Protein backbone atom coordinates (compact mmCIF):
# COMPACT_ATOMS: atom_id res chain seq x y z
CA MET A 1 72.85 58.08 72.49
CA ILE A 2 69.99 56.60 74.49
CA TRP A 3 66.56 58.16 74.56
CA VAL A 4 64.12 57.49 77.34
CA ASN A 5 60.33 57.45 77.01
CA GLY A 6 60.41 57.76 73.23
CA GLY A 7 61.09 61.53 73.37
CA GLY A 8 63.85 61.15 70.86
CA ARG A 9 64.53 63.94 68.46
CA SER A 10 62.26 66.58 70.00
CA ASP A 11 63.91 66.14 73.41
CA THR A 12 67.35 66.39 71.83
CA GLN A 13 66.39 69.54 69.94
CA ARG A 14 64.94 71.07 73.11
CA ARG A 15 68.18 70.38 75.01
CA GLN A 16 70.26 71.79 72.16
CA ARG A 17 68.21 75.01 72.00
CA ALA A 18 68.56 75.45 75.77
CA ALA A 19 72.32 74.88 75.58
CA LEU A 20 72.64 77.42 72.75
CA LYS A 21 70.75 79.99 74.82
CA GLU A 22 73.09 79.46 77.77
CA TRP A 23 76.32 79.47 75.75
CA ARG A 24 78.41 82.61 76.14
CA THR A 25 81.01 83.56 73.54
CA SER A 26 83.01 85.20 76.33
CA GLU A 27 83.49 81.77 77.95
CA HIS A 28 84.91 80.30 74.72
CA PRO A 29 88.72 80.03 74.74
CA SER A 30 90.13 82.86 72.62
CA TRP A 31 92.71 80.57 71.00
CA LEU A 32 89.99 78.19 69.76
CA THR A 33 89.19 79.95 66.50
CA GLU A 34 87.62 78.77 63.27
CA GLU A 35 91.13 78.75 61.76
CA VAL A 36 92.40 76.45 64.53
CA TYR A 37 89.39 74.19 64.08
CA HIS A 38 89.88 73.99 60.32
CA ASN A 39 93.68 73.70 60.25
CA GLN A 40 94.37 71.62 63.36
CA ILE A 41 91.30 69.97 64.85
CA GLU A 42 89.62 68.74 61.65
CA PRO A 43 92.78 66.98 60.39
CA ALA A 44 93.43 65.48 63.84
CA LEU A 45 89.91 64.05 64.01
CA ARG A 46 90.51 61.91 60.91
CA SER A 47 92.52 59.50 63.03
CA ILE A 48 90.03 59.39 65.94
CA ALA A 49 87.40 56.64 66.18
CA VAL A 50 83.91 57.78 65.25
CA SER A 51 82.59 56.31 68.50
CA ALA A 52 85.06 58.43 70.50
CA ILE A 53 83.93 61.58 68.69
CA ALA A 54 80.27 60.69 69.21
CA SER A 55 80.85 60.04 72.90
CA ALA A 56 82.89 63.19 73.52
CA LEU A 57 80.30 65.41 71.81
CA SER A 58 77.19 63.45 72.84
CA VAL A 59 76.11 63.14 69.22
CA SER A 60 74.93 60.28 67.03
CA LEU A 61 77.37 58.03 65.19
CA PRO A 62 76.20 59.26 61.76
CA TYR A 63 76.74 62.89 62.79
CA ALA A 64 80.14 62.02 64.29
CA THR A 65 81.04 60.34 61.00
CA GLN A 66 80.22 63.57 59.14
CA ILE A 67 82.27 65.61 61.62
CA ARG A 68 85.24 63.28 61.24
CA ALA A 69 85.02 63.49 57.44
CA GLY A 70 84.90 67.29 57.59
CA ARG A 71 81.43 67.43 56.03
CA ARG A 72 79.90 68.91 59.19
CA ARG A 73 81.32 71.23 61.80
CA PRO A 74 79.83 71.29 65.30
CA HIS A 75 78.87 74.55 66.98
CA PRO A 76 81.87 76.37 68.49
CA ARG A 77 80.65 75.51 71.99
CA HIS A 78 81.63 71.92 71.18
CA TRP A 79 85.11 72.60 69.80
CA LEU A 80 87.05 72.04 73.01
CA ALA A 81 86.11 68.34 73.21
CA PRO A 82 87.35 67.47 69.70
CA ALA A 83 90.42 69.65 70.28
CA ARG A 84 91.25 67.52 73.32
CA LEU A 85 90.56 64.31 71.39
CA GLY A 86 92.93 65.40 68.64
CA GLY A 87 95.61 66.63 71.05
CA VAL A 88 95.16 70.25 70.03
CA SER A 89 95.66 72.86 72.72
CA LYS A 90 96.57 76.50 73.14
CA ASN A 91 100.20 75.47 73.45
CA ALA A 92 100.09 73.22 70.38
CA SER A 93 99.52 76.13 67.99
């Protein structure tokens, strides 16, 4: 992740808060549940490069490492990207 003008963390947090405000549960795929994330996506991510996870989610490498290890779980609005990375889809259930 590249920060411009030294804004860094505060800019990132501002963008994240704005994205959370705009996110609508109704736009989230109904098949993409916490159970699917835990049982299918998390295990699939263990074989995905940390850099690919970081890039797909626009997160830092350390955070992507925690996601891959199952120590952190991104907000549900981000679940579709790791599902795609891991080859998990509605039809894969």
